Protein backbone atom coordinates (compact mmCIF):
# COMPACT_ATOMS: atom_id res chain seq x y z
CA MET A 1 -72.79 -20.56 -45.97
CA ALA A 2 -70.07 -19.62 -48.34
CA ARG A 3 -66.20 -19.97 -47.49
CA HIS A 4 -64.18 -16.89 -48.58
CA ASN A 5 -60.82 -17.30 -49.65
CA PHE A 6 -58.42 -14.72 -48.03
CA GLY A 7 -55.32 -14.38 -50.19
CA GLY A 8 -54.63 -18.34 -50.38
CA PHE A 9 -55.68 -18.91 -46.60
CA GLY A 10 -58.55 -20.97 -46.23
CA GLY A 11 -61.51 -19.74 -43.55
CA GLY A 12 -59.64 -22.80 -41.32
CA ASN A 13 -56.36 -21.49 -41.44
CA MET A 14 -57.46 -18.07 -40.71
CA GLN A 15 -58.94 -19.40 -37.68
CA GLN A 16 -55.84 -21.29 -36.58
CA LEU A 17 -53.57 -18.29 -37.46
CA MET A 18 -55.43 -15.94 -35.25
CA ARG A 19 -55.43 -18.64 -32.34
CA GLN A 20 -51.91 -18.91 -32.72
CA ALA A 21 -51.52 -15.05 -32.72
CA GLN A 22 -53.79 -14.67 -29.56
CA LYS A 23 -51.88 -17.61 -27.71
CA MET A 24 -48.65 -15.72 -28.54
CA GLN A 25 -50.12 -12.31 -27.33
CA GLN A 26 -50.99 -14.10 -24.18
CA GLN A 27 -47.61 -15.56 -23.53
CA LEU A 28 -46.11 -12.22 -24.34
CA GLN A 29 -48.31 -10.71 -21.69
CA GLU A 30 -47.29 -13.18 -19.21
CA ALA A 31 -43.78 -12.70 -19.73
CA GLN A 32 -43.97 -8.97 -19.59
CA GLU A 33 -45.77 -9.65 -16.23
CA ALA A 34 -43.22 -11.90 -14.81
CA LEU A 35 -40.31 -9.50 -15.71
CA ASP A 36 -41.93 -6.68 -13.98
CA ALA A 37 -42.32 -8.71 -10.99
CA ALA A 38 -38.81 -9.93 -10.98
CA GLU A 39 -36.03 -8.09 -8.89
CA TYR A 40 -32.58 -7.34 -9.78
CA GLU A 41 -29.68 -6.44 -7.38
CA ALA A 42 -26.15 -5.01 -8.10
CA THR A 43 -23.57 -4.05 -5.97
CA ALA A 44 -20.93 -1.36 -6.15
CA GLY A 45 -17.66 -0.52 -4.34
CA GLY A 46 -17.10 -4.37 -3.49
CA GLY A 47 -20.37 -4.53 -1.89
CA MET A 48 -20.43 -0.89 -0.07
CA VAL A 49 -23.43 0.06 -1.64
CA THR A 50 -26.20 -2.29 -2.84
CA VAL A 51 -29.15 -1.31 -5.15
CA ARG A 52 -32.61 -3.50 -5.89
CA ILE A 53 -34.70 -2.54 -8.43
CA THR A 54 -38.01 -4.30 -9.98
CA GLY A 55 -38.41 -5.08 -13.53
CA LYS A 56 -40.63 -2.07 -14.16
CA PRO A 57 -37.79 -0.69 -13.35
CA GLU A 58 -38.34 0.95 -9.85
CA VAL A 59 -35.90 1.24 -7.00
CA THR A 60 -36.96 -0.69 -4.16
CA GLY A 61 -34.09 -0.58 -1.88
CA ILE A 62 -30.46 0.92 -1.59
CA THR A 63 -28.11 -0.28 1.08
CA ILE A 64 -25.25 1.89 1.92
CA ASP A 65 -22.10 0.40 4.21
CA PRO A 66 -21.54 3.01 7.05
CA GLN A 67 -17.89 2.91 6.25
CA VAL A 68 -18.36 4.48 2.94
CA VAL A 69 -20.05 7.49 4.41
CA ASP A 70 -17.56 10.10 4.50
CA PRO A 71 -18.87 13.87 4.73
CA ASP A 72 -15.61 14.75 2.87
CA ASP A 73 -15.96 12.71 0.07
CA VAL A 74 -19.88 12.57 -0.75
CA GLU A 75 -18.87 12.37 -4.62
CA MET A 76 -17.69 8.68 -4.09
CA LEU A 77 -20.61 7.61 -2.63
CA GLN A 78 -22.55 9.38 -5.40
CA ASP A 79 -20.46 7.59 -8.04
CA LEU A 80 -21.10 4.05 -5.93
CA ILE A 81 -24.75 4.64 -6.22
CA GLN A 82 -24.81 5.67 -9.79
CA ALA A 83 -22.87 2.84 -10.57
CA ALA A 84 -25.03 0.22 -8.64
CA VAL A 85 -28.32 1.63 -10.28
CA ASN A 86 -26.88 1.41 -13.83
CA GLU A 87 -25.66 -2.07 -12.88
CA ALA A 88 -29.31 -3.32 -11.85
CA LEU A 89 -30.62 -1.50 -14.76
CA ARG A 90 -28.35 -3.30 -17.23
CA LYS A 91 -29.41 -6.65 -15.58
CA ASN A 92 -33.02 -5.76 -15.95
CA GLU A 93 -32.51 -5.03 -19.67
CA GLU A 94 -30.64 -8.27 -20.10
CA ALA A 95 -33.36 -10.20 -18.71
CA LYS A 96 -36.01 -8.61 -20.70
CA ALA A 97 -34.04 -9.09 -24.00
CA ALA A 98 -33.18 -12.66 -23.48
CA THR A 99 -36.86 -13.55 -22.89
CA MET A 100 -38.18 -11.82 -25.75
CA ASN A 101 -35.47 -13.59 -27.65
CA ARG A 102 -36.43 -16.96 -26.45
CA MET A 103 -40.28 -16.37 -27.34
CA ALA A 104 -39.64 -14.79 -30.70
CA PRO A 105 -36.08 -16.41 -31.82
CA GLY A 106 -34.81 -13.98 -34.80
CA MET A 107 -36.98 -11.13 -34.22
CA GLY A 108 -34.48 -9.35 -32.06
CA GLY A 109 -36.53 -8.98 -28.89
CA MET A 110 -39.54 -7.98 -31.08
CA GLY A 111 -38.03 -4.76 -32.51
CA GLY A 112 -37.74 -3.15 -29.37
CA LEU A 113 -41.33 -3.59 -28.43
CA PHE A 114 -40.34 -4.30 -24.85
């Protein structure tokens, strides 16, 4: 059987490149699954509001200290919840970027792929 030369790559080299690409794809999939399963927690107001999210991201819990519940100042509670959610989301994004940068240094986290 004749071997074809594909742009300077011999058949063996092409097969090796394909195996490496498949391995990297598997590693990326495993990393994404681990990131999705991870949980992130953030607080606001000195711990008065705590928010927990998964890496998907989905909110899995909100804890509010009863002392912060003031019917005359609902806006403060809303601000604390918003701040805690945004911080948890930021932690999620930082973890994803760090993982992707470790897996593909110099590629800027796969160009926003994740």
